[in-house]
């Protein structure tokens, strides 16, 4: 496929003009007169230089890579249909929709953008964190930083002992069973050659505990609605976990709240105040 520079530039300009700062979690200045978002704002959302993005809107520059187009599609909060259209304009085949992808539904992003004072995250079916709210980062650390199989919390659970420190020790046996059974369900659903099946093979070779649990053939193990986190500075918090599923991409929006008047609620308010700073 060849790149359609004119069509690509026009589509990018129109999508940028239709977005407002509040649509993407940005503040609107009092004297703002720009129609839609500024180029530099879109570039920041897409994790690229303003010059690079501006050249695309001006029908210039090299053909963008698939990775770059995926980043632009996410930054502009495109729907799946719009994302696929953008890929074709850029001269690439769209990602296969049959497999769970990493393009986040704009609706989930809009909800997450409005949860600045609440721990929340968007994760894949394999427990790979795609986005976190600021308080989500303060609670669990930046879990988007991992690469490769370690992006999956289930993989880290069996290969990195430090990852378990975030959860109450009494809950570890259940969580081990849950991660093993969940991976079995997804590997069966996605089939041989899937990322889930690959993770299972890696864990079978690396973890005695995982091999033992895998041989049990358990499925359907689900977490408790109440989750107990152990924060390194403020201690244990008991948080309710509410979930919202995007079935098209198999993404989950997880929102953590504490009952008003509880010690955990007070600790969550403290965490909101200090953010990612270290308590002294």
C-alpha atoms as a PDB file:
ATOM      1  CA  UNK A   1       0.000   0.000   0.000  1.00  0.00           C
ATOM      2  CA  UNK A   2       1.146   3.532  -0.738  1.00  0.00           C
ATOM      3  CA  UNK A   3       0.804   6.447   1.617  1.00  0.00           C
ATOM      4  CA  UNK A   4      -1.966   8.935   0.798  1.00  0.00           C
ATOM      5  CA  UNK A   5      -0.254  12.080   2.020  1.00  0.00           C
ATOM      6  CA  UNK A   6      -3.108  14.432   1.134  1.00  0.00           C
ATOM      7  CA  UNK A   7      -5.744  12.228   2.721  1.00  0.00           C
ATOM      8  CA  UNK A   8      -3.570  11.576   5.788  1.00  0.00           C
ATOM      9  CA  UNK A   9      -2.900  15.281   6.332  1.00  0.00           C
ATOM     10  CA  UNK A  10      -6.568  16.228   5.958  1.00  0.00           C
ATOM     11  CA  UNK A  11      -7.724  13.460   8.293  1.00  0.00           C
ATOM     12  CA  UNK A  12      -5.202  14.420  10.987  1.00  0.00           C
ATOM     13  CA  UNK A  13      -6.113  18.100  10.793  1.00  0.00           C
ATOM     14  CA  UNK A  14      -9.829  17.371  11.044  1.00  0.00           C
ATOM     15  CA  UNK A  15      -9.482  14.994  13.970  1.00  0.00           C
ATOM     16  CA  UNK A  16      -7.269  17.506  15.796  1.00  0.00           C
ATOM     17  CA  UNK A  17      -9.778  20.322  15.210  1.00  0.00           C
ATOM     18  CA  UNK A  18     -12.628  18.224  16.608  1.00  0.00           C
ATOM     19  CA  UNK A  19     -10.871  17.480  19.897  1.00  0.00           C
ATOM     20  CA  UNK A  20     -11.137  19.864  22.829  1.00  0.00           C
ATOM     21  CA  UNK A  21      -8.593  20.023  25.682  1.00  0.00           C
ATOM     22  CA  UNK A  22     -11.093  18.585  28.165  1.00  0.00           C
ATOM     23  CA  UNK A  23     -11.653  15.614  25.834  1.00  0.00           C
ATOM     24  CA  UNK A  24      -8.087  14.457  26.431  1.00  0.00           C
ATOM     25  CA  UNK A  25      -7.601  15.509  30.041  1.00  0.00           C
ATOM     26  CA  UNK A  26      -5.889  18.846  29.320  1.00  0.00           C
ATOM     27  CA  UNK A  27      -6.802  22.169  30.996  1.00  0.00           C
ATOM     28  CA  UNK A  28      -8.509  24.855  28.934  1.00  0.00           C
ATOM     29  CA  UNK A  29      -6.944  28.276  29.332  1.00  0.00           C
ATOM     30  CA  UNK A  30      -9.152  31.318  29.883  1.00  0.00           C
ATOM     31  CA  UNK A  31      -8.099  33.051  26.678  1.00  0.00           C
ATOM     32  CA  UNK A  32      -7.915  30.011  24.471  1.00  0.00           C
ATOM     33  CA  UNK A  33      -9.090  30.723  20.931  1.00  0.00           C
ATOM     34  CA  UNK A  34      -7.566  27.762  19.094  1.00  0.00           C
ATOM     35  CA  UNK A  35     -10.034  25.609  17.190  1.00  0.00           C
ATOM     36  CA  UNK A  36      -9.555  22.171  18.701  1.00  0.00           C
ATOM     37  CA  UNK A  37      -6.137  21.102  19.946  1.00  0.00           C
ATOM     38  CA  UNK A  38      -2.843  22.716  19.081  1.00  0.00           C
ATOM     39  CA  UNK A  39      -0.279  20.722  17.122  1.00  0.00           C
ATOM     40  CA  UNK A  40       2.115  20.735  20.062  1.00  0.00           C
ATOM     41  CA  UNK A  41      -0.618  19.324  22.304  1.00  0.00           C
ATOM     42  CA  UNK A  42      -1.336  16.489  19.890  1.00  0.00           C
ATOM     43  CA  UNK A  43       2.380  15.800  19.493  1.00  0.00           C
ATOM     44  CA  UNK A  44       2.762  15.480  23.267  1.00  0.00           C
ATOM     45  CA  UNK A  45      -0.226  13.132  23.463  1.00  0.00           C
ATOM     46  CA  UNK A  46       1.310  11.034  20.673  1.00  0.00           C
ATOM     47  CA  UNK A  47       4.816  11.011  22.243  1.00  0.00           C
ATOM     48  CA  UNK A  48       6.542  12.628  19.262  1.00  0.00           C
ATOM     49  CA  UNK A  49       8.084  15.960  18.349  1.00  0.00           C
ATOM     50  CA  UNK A  50       5.875  18.827  17.250  1.00  0.00           C
ATOM     51  CA  UNK A  51       7.974  19.187  14.101  1.00  0.00           C
ATOM     52  CA  UNK A  52       7.400  15.553  13.118  1.00  0.00           C
ATOM     53  CA  UNK A  53       3.647  15.772  13.617  1.00  0.00           C
ATOM     54  CA  UNK A  54       3.425  19.142  11.836  1.00  0.00           C
ATOM     55  CA  UNK A  55       5.166  17.686   8.775  1.00  0.00           C
ATOM     56  CA  UNK A  56       2.512  14.978   8.532  1.00  0.00           C
ATOM     57  CA  UNK A  57      -0.237  17.606   8.505  1.00  0.00           C
ATOM     58  CA  UNK A  58       1.706  19.477   5.789  1.00  0.00           C
ATOM     59  CA  UNK A  59       2.066  16.371   3.575  1.00  0.00           C
ATOM     60  CA  UNK A  60       5.799  16.203   4.169  1.00  0.00           C
ATOM     61  CA  UNK A  61       8.346  13.934   5.796  1.00  0.00           C
ATOM     62  CA  UNK A  62       8.991  10.172   5.538  1.00  0.00           C
ATOM     63  CA  UNK A  63       6.276   7.555   5.693  1.00  0.00           C
ATOM     64  CA  UNK A  64       5.399   7.047   9.380  1.00  0.00           C
ATOM     65  CA  UNK A  65       5.986   3.592  10.827  1.00  0.00           C
ATOM     66  CA  UNK A  66       3.181   1.367  12.086  1.00  0.00           C
ATOM     67  CA  UNK A  67       4.292   2.072  15.651  1.00  0.00           C
ATOM     68  CA  UNK A  68       4.083   5.823  15.021  1.00  0.00           C
ATOM     69  CA  UNK A  69       0.626   5.541  13.463  1.00  0.00           C
ATOM     70  CA  UNK A  70      -0.581   3.481  16.424  1.00  0.00           C
ATOM     71  CA  UNK A  71       0.701   6.191  18.768  1.00  0.00           C
ATOM     72  CA  UNK A  72      -1.070   8.904  16.769  1.00  0.00           C
ATOM     73  CA  UNK A  73      -4.311   6.927  16.739  1.00  0.00           C
ATOM     74  CA  UNK A  74      -4.190   6.612  20.520  1.00  0.00           C
ATOM     75  CA  UNK A  75      -3.201  10.222  21.078  1.00  0.00           C
ATOM     76  CA  UNK A  76      -6.103  11.468  18.941  1.00  0.00           C
ATOM     77  CA  UNK A  77      -8.531   9.165  20.788  1.00  0.00           C
ATOM     78  CA  UNK A  78      -9.597   7.456  17.566  1.00  0.00           C
ATOM     79  CA  UNK A  79     -12.166   4.689  17.428  1.00  0.00           C
ATOM     80  CA  UNK A  80     -11.130   1.327  15.992  1.00  0.00           C
ATOM     81  CA  UNK A  81     -12.695   2.195  12.638  1.00  0.00           C
ATOM     82  CA  UNK A  82     -10.864   5.532  12.591  1.00  0.00           C
ATOM     83  CA  UNK A  83      -7.622   3.855  13.625  1.00  0.00           C
ATOM     84  CA  UNK A  84      -7.894   1.352  10.774  1.00  0.00           C
ATOM     85  CA  UNK A  85      -8.608   4.193   8.334  1.00  0.00           C
ATOM     86  CA  UNK A  86      -5.526   6.063   9.576  1.00  0.00           C
ATOM     87  CA  UNK A  87      -3.346   2.987   9.035  1.00  0.00           C
ATOM     88  CA  UNK A  88      -4.552   2.670   5.438  1.00  0.00           C
ATOM     89  CA  UNK A  89      -3.988   6.361   4.727  1.00  0.00           C
ATOM     90  CA  UNK A  90      -0.419   5.937   5.997  1.00  0.00           C
ATOM     91  CA  UNK A  91       0.133   2.972   3.664  1.00  0.00           C
ATOM     92  CA  UNK A  92      -0.091   0.191   6.240  1.00  0.00           C
ATOM     93  CA  UNK A  93      -2.458  -2.691   6.844  1.00  0.00           C
ATOM     94  CA  UNK A  94      -4.470  -2.192  10.054  1.00  0.00           C
ATOM     95  CA  UNK A  95      -3.732  -4.473  13.028  1.00  0.00           C
ATOM     96  CA  UNK A  96      -5.679  -7.721  13.190  1.00  0.00           C
ATOM     97  CA  UNK A  97      -8.794  -7.114  15.243  1.00  0.00           C
ATOM     98  CA  UNK A  98      -9.240 -10.774  16.079  1.00  0.00           C
ATOM     99  CA  UNK A  99      -6.386 -10.635  18.563  1.00  0.00           C
ATOM    100  CA  UNK A 100      -6.584  -8.492  21.683  1.00  0.00           C
ATOM    101  CA  UNK A 101      -4.862  -5.225  20.779  1.00  0.00           C
ATOM    102  CA  UNK A 102      -3.548  -2.284  22.746  1.00  0.00           C
ATOM    103  CA  UNK A 103      -5.557   0.531  21.173  1.00  0.00           C
ATOM    104  CA  UNK A 104      -7.681   1.926  24.000  1.00  0.00           C
ATOM    105  CA  UNK A 105     -11.316   2.762  23.340  1.00  0.00           C
ATOM    106  CA  UNK A 106     -11.759   6.582  23.455  1.00  0.00           C
ATOM    107  CA  UNK A 107     -14.643   6.118  25.892  1.00  0.00           C
ATOM    108  CA  UNK A 108     -12.386   4.378  28.410  1.00  0.00           C
ATOM    109  CA  UNK A 109      -9.778   7.103  27.997  1.00  0.00           C
ATOM    110  CA  UNK A 110     -12.349   9.832  28.640  1.00  0.00           C
ATOM    111  CA  UNK A 111     -13.442   8.116  31.837  1.00  0.00           C
ATOM    112  CA  UNK A 112      -9.844   7.628  33.002  1.00  0.00           C
ATOM    113  CA  UNK A 113      -9.030  11.278  32.277  1.00  0.00           C
ATOM    114  CA  UNK A 114     -11.752  12.270  34.745  1.00  0.00           C
ATOM    115  CA  UNK A 115     -10.403  10.090  37.549  1.00  0.00           C
ATOM    116  CA  UNK A 116      -7.467  12.245  38.578  1.00  0.00           C
ATOM    117  CA  UNK A 117      -8.315  11.874  42.281  1.00  0.00           C
ATOM    118  CA  UNK A 118      -8.931   8.109  42.145  1.00  0.00           C
ATOM    119  CA  UNK A 119      -6.553   5.161  41.661  1.00  0.00           C
ATOM    120  CA  UNK A 120      -7.448   3.676  38.276  1.00  0.00           C
ATOM    121  CA  UNK A 121      -5.810   1.822  35.428  1.00  0.00           C
ATOM    122  CA  UNK A 122      -6.597   0.329  32.031  1.00  0.00           C
ATOM    123  CA  UNK A 123      -5.201  -3.177  31.547  1.00  0.00           C
ATOM    124  CA  UNK A 124      -5.256  -5.863  28.874  1.00  0.00           C
ATOM    125  CA  UNK A 125      -6.652  -9.340  29.426  1.00  0.00           C
ATOM    126  CA  UNK A 126      -3.099 -10.409  30.327  1.00  0.00           C
ATOM    127  CA  UNK A 127      -2.769  -7.792  33.045  1.00  0.00           C
ATOM    128  CA  UNK A 128      -0.546  -5.463  31.005  1.00  0.00           C
ATOM    129  CA  UNK A 129      -1.066  -1.882  32.177  1.00  0.00           C
ATOM    130  CA  UNK A 130      -1.759   0.522  29.311  1.00  0.00           C
ATOM    131  CA  UNK A 131      -2.662   3.662  31.248  1.00  0.00           C
ATOM    132  CA  UNK A 132      -2.858   4.782  34.876  1.00  0.00           C
ATOM    133  CA  UNK A 133      -4.394   7.730  36.647  1.00  0.00           C
ATOM    134  CA  UNK A 134      -1.935   9.868  38.663  1.00  0.00           C
ATOM    135  CA  UNK A 135      -3.198   8.356  41.921  1.00  0.00           C
ATOM    136  CA  UNK A 136      -2.937   4.907  40.360  1.00  0.00           C
ATOM    137  CA  UNK A 137       0.780   5.541  39.860  1.00  0.00           C
ATOM    138  CA  UNK A 138       1.053   6.758  43.450  1.00  0.00           C
ATOM    139  CA  UNK A 139      -0.594   3.548  44.689  1.00  0.00           C
ATOM    140  CA  UNK A 140       1.220   0.878  42.671  1.00  0.00           C
ATOM    141  CA  UNK A 141       4.089   2.683  40.982  1.00  0.00           C
ATOM    142  CA  UNK A 142       4.381   3.163  37.228  1.00  0.00           C
ATOM    143  CA  UNK A 143       3.430  -0.274  35.908  1.00  0.00           C
ATOM    144  CA  UNK A 144       3.477   0.915  32.292  1.00  0.00           C
ATOM    145  CA  UNK A 145       7.279   1.002  32.372  1.00  0.00           C
ATOM    146  CA  UNK A 146       7.775  -2.735  31.916  1.00  0.00           C
ATOM    147  CA  UNK A 147       8.692  -4.296  28.594  1.00  0.00           C
ATOM    148  CA  UNK A 148       8.358  -7.780  27.118  1.00  0.00           C
ATOM    149  CA  UNK A 149       6.616 -10.506  29.145  1.00  0.00           C
ATOM    150  CA  UNK A 150       7.243  -8.535  32.350  1.00  0.00           C
ATOM    151  CA  UNK A 151       4.487  -6.169  31.262  1.00  0.00           C
ATOM    152  CA  UNK A 152       2.032  -8.824  32.489  1.00  0.00           C
ATOM    153  CA  UNK A 153       1.396  -8.741  36.225  1.00  0.00           C
ATOM    154  CA  UNK A 154       0.810 -12.512  36.152  1.00  0.00           C
ATOM    155  CA  UNK A 155       4.225 -13.087  34.614  1.00  0.00           C
ATOM    156  CA  UNK A 156       5.909 -10.777  37.149  1.00  0.00           C
ATOM    157  CA  UNK A 157       4.092 -12.543  39.968  1.00  0.00           C
ATOM    158  CA  UNK A 158       5.911 -15.813  39.289  1.00  0.00           C
ATOM    159  CA  UNK A 159       9.271 -14.413  38.143  1.00  0.00           C
ATOM    160  CA  UNK A 160       9.866 -11.318  40.295  1.00  0.00           C
ATOM    161  CA  UNK A 161       9.382 -11.846  44.062  1.00  0.00           C
ATOM    162  CA  UNK A 162       9.432  -8.093  44.660  1.00  0.00           C
ATOM    163  CA  UNK A 163       6.166  -7.724  42.735  1.00  0.00           C
ATOM    164  CA  UNK A 164       4.318  -9.541  45.525  1.00  0.00           C
ATOM    165  CA  UNK A 165       5.211  -6.934  48.107  1.00  0.00           C
ATOM    166  CA  UNK A 166       2.377  -4.729  46.875  1.00  0.00           C
ATOM    167  CA  UNK A 167      -0.239  -7.207  48.115  1.00  0.00           C
ATOM    168  CA  UNK A 168      -1.126  -8.529  51.579  1.00  0.00           C
ATOM    169  CA  UNK A 169       0.760 -11.758  52.241  1.00  0.00           C
ATOM    170  CA  UNK A 170      -2.408 -13.608  53.287  1.00  0.00           C
ATOM    171  CA  UNK A 171      -3.789 -13.068  49.776  1.00  0.00           C
ATOM    172  CA  UNK A 172      -0.768 -14.512  47.938  1.00  0.00           C
ATOM    173  CA  UNK A 173      -2.041 -18.134  47.616  1.00  0.00           C
ATOM    174  CA  UNK A 174      -5.322 -16.995  46.057  1.00  0.00           C
ATOM    175  CA  UNK A 175      -3.570 -14.574  43.739  1.00  0.00           C
ATOM    176  CA  UNK A 176      -1.175 -17.295  42.560  1.00  0.00           C
ATOM    177  CA  UNK A 177      -4.112 -19.570  41.711  1.00  0.00           C
ATOM    178  CA  UNK A 178      -5.949 -16.692  40.043  1.00  0.00           C
ATOM    179  CA  UNK A 179      -3.036 -15.704  37.788  1.00  0.00           C
ATOM    180  CA  UNK A 180      -2.378 -19.317  36.750  1.00  0.00           C
ATOM    181  CA  UNK A 181      -6.022 -20.112  36.042  1.00  0.00           C
ATOM    182  CA  UNK A 182      -6.573 -16.814  34.234  1.00  0.00           C
ATOM    183  CA  UNK A 183      -3.614 -17.417  31.949  1.00  0.00           C
ATOM    184  CA  UNK A 184      -4.912 -20.910  31.181  1.00  0.00           C
ATOM    185  CA  UNK A 185      -8.307 -19.500  30.172  1.00  0.00           C
ATOM    186  CA  UNK A 186      -6.802 -16.833  27.916  1.00  0.00           C
ATOM    187  CA  UNK A 187      -4.287 -19.217  26.336  1.00  0.00           C
ATOM    188  CA  UNK A 188      -7.118 -21.601  25.496  1.00  0.00           C
ATOM    189  CA  UNK A 189      -9.243 -18.771  24.121  1.00  0.00           C
ATOM    190  CA  UNK A 190      -6.490 -17.254  21.972  1.00  0.00           C
ATOM    191  CA  UNK A 191      -4.923 -20.547  20.936  1.00  0.00           C
ATOM    192  CA  UNK A 192      -1.479 -21.869  20.095  1.00  0.00           C
ATOM    193  CA  UNK A 193       0.893 -19.137  18.997  1.00  0.00           C
ATOM    194  CA  UNK A 194      -0.836 -16.444  21.067  1.00  0.00           C
ATOM    195  CA  UNK A 195       0.988 -14.194  23.495  1.00  0.00           C
ATOM    196  CA  UNK A 196      -0.836 -15.912  26.352  1.00  0.00           C
ATOM    197  CA  UNK A 197       0.396 -19.328  25.240  1.00  0.00           C
ATOM    198  CA  UNK A 198       3.924 -17.931  24.941  1.00  0.00           C
ATOM    199  CA  UNK A 199       3.785 -16.546  28.478  1.00  0.00           C
ATOM    200  CA  UNK A 200       2.567 -19.913  29.767  1.00  0.00           C
ATOM    201  CA  UNK A 201       5.501 -21.694  28.096  1.00  0.00           C
ATOM    202  CA  UNK A 202       7.952 -19.221  29.602  1.00  0.00           C
ATOM    203  CA  UNK A 203       6.508 -19.649  33.094  1.00  0.00           C
ATOM    204  CA  UNK A 204       6.467 -23.440  32.825  1.00  0.00           C
ATOM    205  CA  UNK A 205      10.204 -23.268  32.170  1.00  0.00           C
ATOM    206  CA  UNK A 206      10.957 -20.742  34.931  1.00  0.00           C
ATOM    207  CA  UNK A 207       8.636 -21.277  37.898  1.00  0.00           C
ATOM    208  CA  UNK A 208       8.117 -24.425  39.980  1.00  0.00           C
ATOM    209  CA  UNK A 209       5.102 -22.839  41.656  1.00  0.00           C
ATOM    210  CA  UNK A 210       3.504 -22.045  38.305  1.00  0.00           C
ATOM    211  CA  UNK A 211       4.097 -25.592  37.035  1.00  0.00           C
ATOM    212  CA  UNK A 212       2.389 -27.016  40.116  1.00  0.00           C
ATOM    213  CA  UNK A 213      -0.615 -24.728  39.740  1.00  0.00           C
ATOM    214  CA  UNK A 214      -0.768 -25.278  35.979  1.00  0.00           C
ATOM    215  CA  UNK A 215      -1.041 -29.031  36.527  1.00  0.00           C
ATOM    216  CA  UNK A 216      -4.162 -28.424  38.635  1.00  0.00           C
ATOM    217  CA  UNK A 217      -6.035 -27.247  35.497  1.00  0.00           C
ATOM    218  CA  UNK A 218      -8.042 -24.737  37.521  1.00  0.00           C
ATOM    219  CA  UNK A 219     -10.188 -22.166  35.722  1.00  0.00           C
ATOM    220  CA  UNK A 220     -12.643 -19.553  36.915  1.00  0.00           C
ATOM    221  CA  UNK A 221     -10.637 -18.354  39.934  1.00  0.00           C
ATOM    222  CA  UNK A 222     -11.625 -14.729  40.439  1.00  0.00           C
ATOM    223  CA  UNK A 223     -10.246 -12.052  42.812  1.00  0.00           C
ATOM    224  CA  UNK A 224     -12.208 -10.701  45.733  1.00  0.00           C
ATOM    225  CA  UNK A 225     -13.907  -7.365  45.135  1.00  0.00           C
ATOM    226  CA  UNK A 226     -11.982  -6.043  48.124  1.00  0.00           C
ATOM    227  CA  UNK A 227      -8.264  -5.817  47.379  1.00  0.00           C
ATOM    228  CA  UNK A 228      -5.603  -5.290  50.012  1.00  0.00           C
ATOM    229  CA  UNK A 229      -2.622  -3.242  48.877  1.00  0.00           C
ATOM    230  CA  UNK A 230       0.539  -2.654  50.909  1.00  0.00           C
ATOM    231  CA  UNK A 231       1.991   0.759  50.144  1.00  0.00           C
ATOM    232  CA  UNK A 232       5.658   1.171  51.161  1.00  0.00           C
ATOM    233  CA  UNK A 233       4.987   4.484  52.914  1.00  0.00           C
ATOM    234  CA  UNK A 234       1.429   4.449  54.274  1.00  0.00           C
ATOM    235  CA  UNK A 235       0.909   0.731  54.868  1.00  0.00           C
ATOM    236  CA  UNK A 236      -2.053  -1.483  54.070  1.00  0.00           C
ATOM    237  CA  UNK A 237      -5.154  -0.197  52.287  1.00  0.00           C
ATOM    238  CA  UNK A 238      -8.398  -2.103  51.714  1.00  0.00           C
ATOM    239  CA  UNK A 239      -9.881  -0.904  48.443  1.00  0.00           C
ATOM    240  CA  UNK A 240     -12.968  -1.929  46.500  1.00  0.00           C
ATOM    241  CA  UNK A 241     -12.228  -2.702  42.861  1.00  0.00           C
ATOM    242  CA  UNK A 242     -14.892  -1.773  40.300  1.00  0.00           C
ATOM    243  CA  UNK A 243     -14.373  -2.881  36.706  1.00  0.00           C
ATOM    244  CA  UNK A 244     -15.597  -1.762  33.304  1.00  0.00           C
ATOM    245  CA  UNK A 245     -14.981  -4.019  30.288  1.00  0.00           C
ATOM    246  CA  UNK A 246     -14.449  -2.987  26.688  1.00  0.00           C
ATOM    247  CA  UNK A 247     -15.357  -6.262  24.934  1.00  0.00           C
ATOM    248  CA  UNK A 248     -14.032  -5.147  21.539  1.00  0.00           C
ATOM    249  CA  UNK A 249     -10.435  -4.945  22.776  1.00  0.00           C
ATOM    250  CA  UNK A 250     -10.655  -7.079  25.928  1.00  0.00           C
ATOM    251  CA  UNK A 251      -9.513  -4.145  28.029  1.00  0.00           C
ATOM    252  CA  UNK A 252     -10.517  -3.529  31.626  1.00  0.00           C
ATOM    253  CA  UNK A 253     -10.821  -0.208  33.406  1.00  0.00           C
ATOM    254  CA  UNK A 254     -10.108  -0.892  37.087  1.00  0.00           C
ATOM    255  CA  UNK A 255     -11.156   1.741  39.625  1.00  0.00           C
ATOM    256  CA  UNK A 256     -10.143   1.480  43.294  1.00  0.00           C
ATOM    257  CA  UNK A 257     -12.151   3.214  46.032  1.00  0.00           C
ATOM    258  CA  UNK A 258     -12.283   3.145  49.830  1.00  0.00           C
ATOM    259  CA  UNK A 259     -15.397   3.307  51.996  1.00  0.00           C
ATOM    260  CA  UNK A 260     -15.791   6.786  53.554  1.00  0.00           C
ATOM    261  CA  UNK A 261     -14.879   6.974  57.220  1.00  0.00           C
ATOM    262  CA  UNK A 262     -12.487   4.044  57.105  1.00  0.00           C
ATOM    263  CA  UNK A 263      -8.771   4.108  57.802  1.00  0.00           C
ATOM    264  CA  UNK A 264      -8.152   3.163  54.170  1.00  0.00           C
ATOM    265  CA  UNK A 265     -10.162   6.192  53.035  1.00  0.00           C
ATOM    266  CA  UNK A 266      -7.979   8.457  55.174  1.00  0.00           C
ATOM    267  CA  UNK A 267      -4.831   6.830  53.811  1.00  0.00           C
ATOM    268  CA  UNK A 268      -6.091   7.259  50.249  1.00  0.00           C
ATOM    269  CA  UNK A 269      -6.635  10.958  50.905  1.00  0.00           C
ATOM    270  CA  UNK A 270      -3.097  11.189  52.265  1.00  0.00           C
ATOM    271  CA  UNK A 271      -1.774   9.397  49.194  1.00  0.00           C
ATOM    272  CA  UNK A 272      -3.677  11.833  46.997  1.00  0.00           C
ATOM    273  CA  UNK A 273      -1.995  14.724  48.794  1.00  0.00           C
ATOM    274  CA  UNK A 274       1.561  13.417  48.566  1.00  0.00           C
ATOM    275  CA  UNK A 275       1.284  11.720  45.170  1.00  0.00           C
ATOM    276  CA  UNK A 276       4.469   9.918  44.203  1.00  0.00           C
ATOM    277  CA  UNK A 277       6.603  11.849  46.696  1.00  0.00           C
ATOM    278  CA  UNK A 278       8.345   9.923  49.417  1.00  0.00           C
ATOM    279  CA  UNK A 279       7.016  10.555  52.917  1.00  0.00           C
ATOM    280  CA  UNK A 280       9.587  11.832  55.362  1.00  0.00           C
END
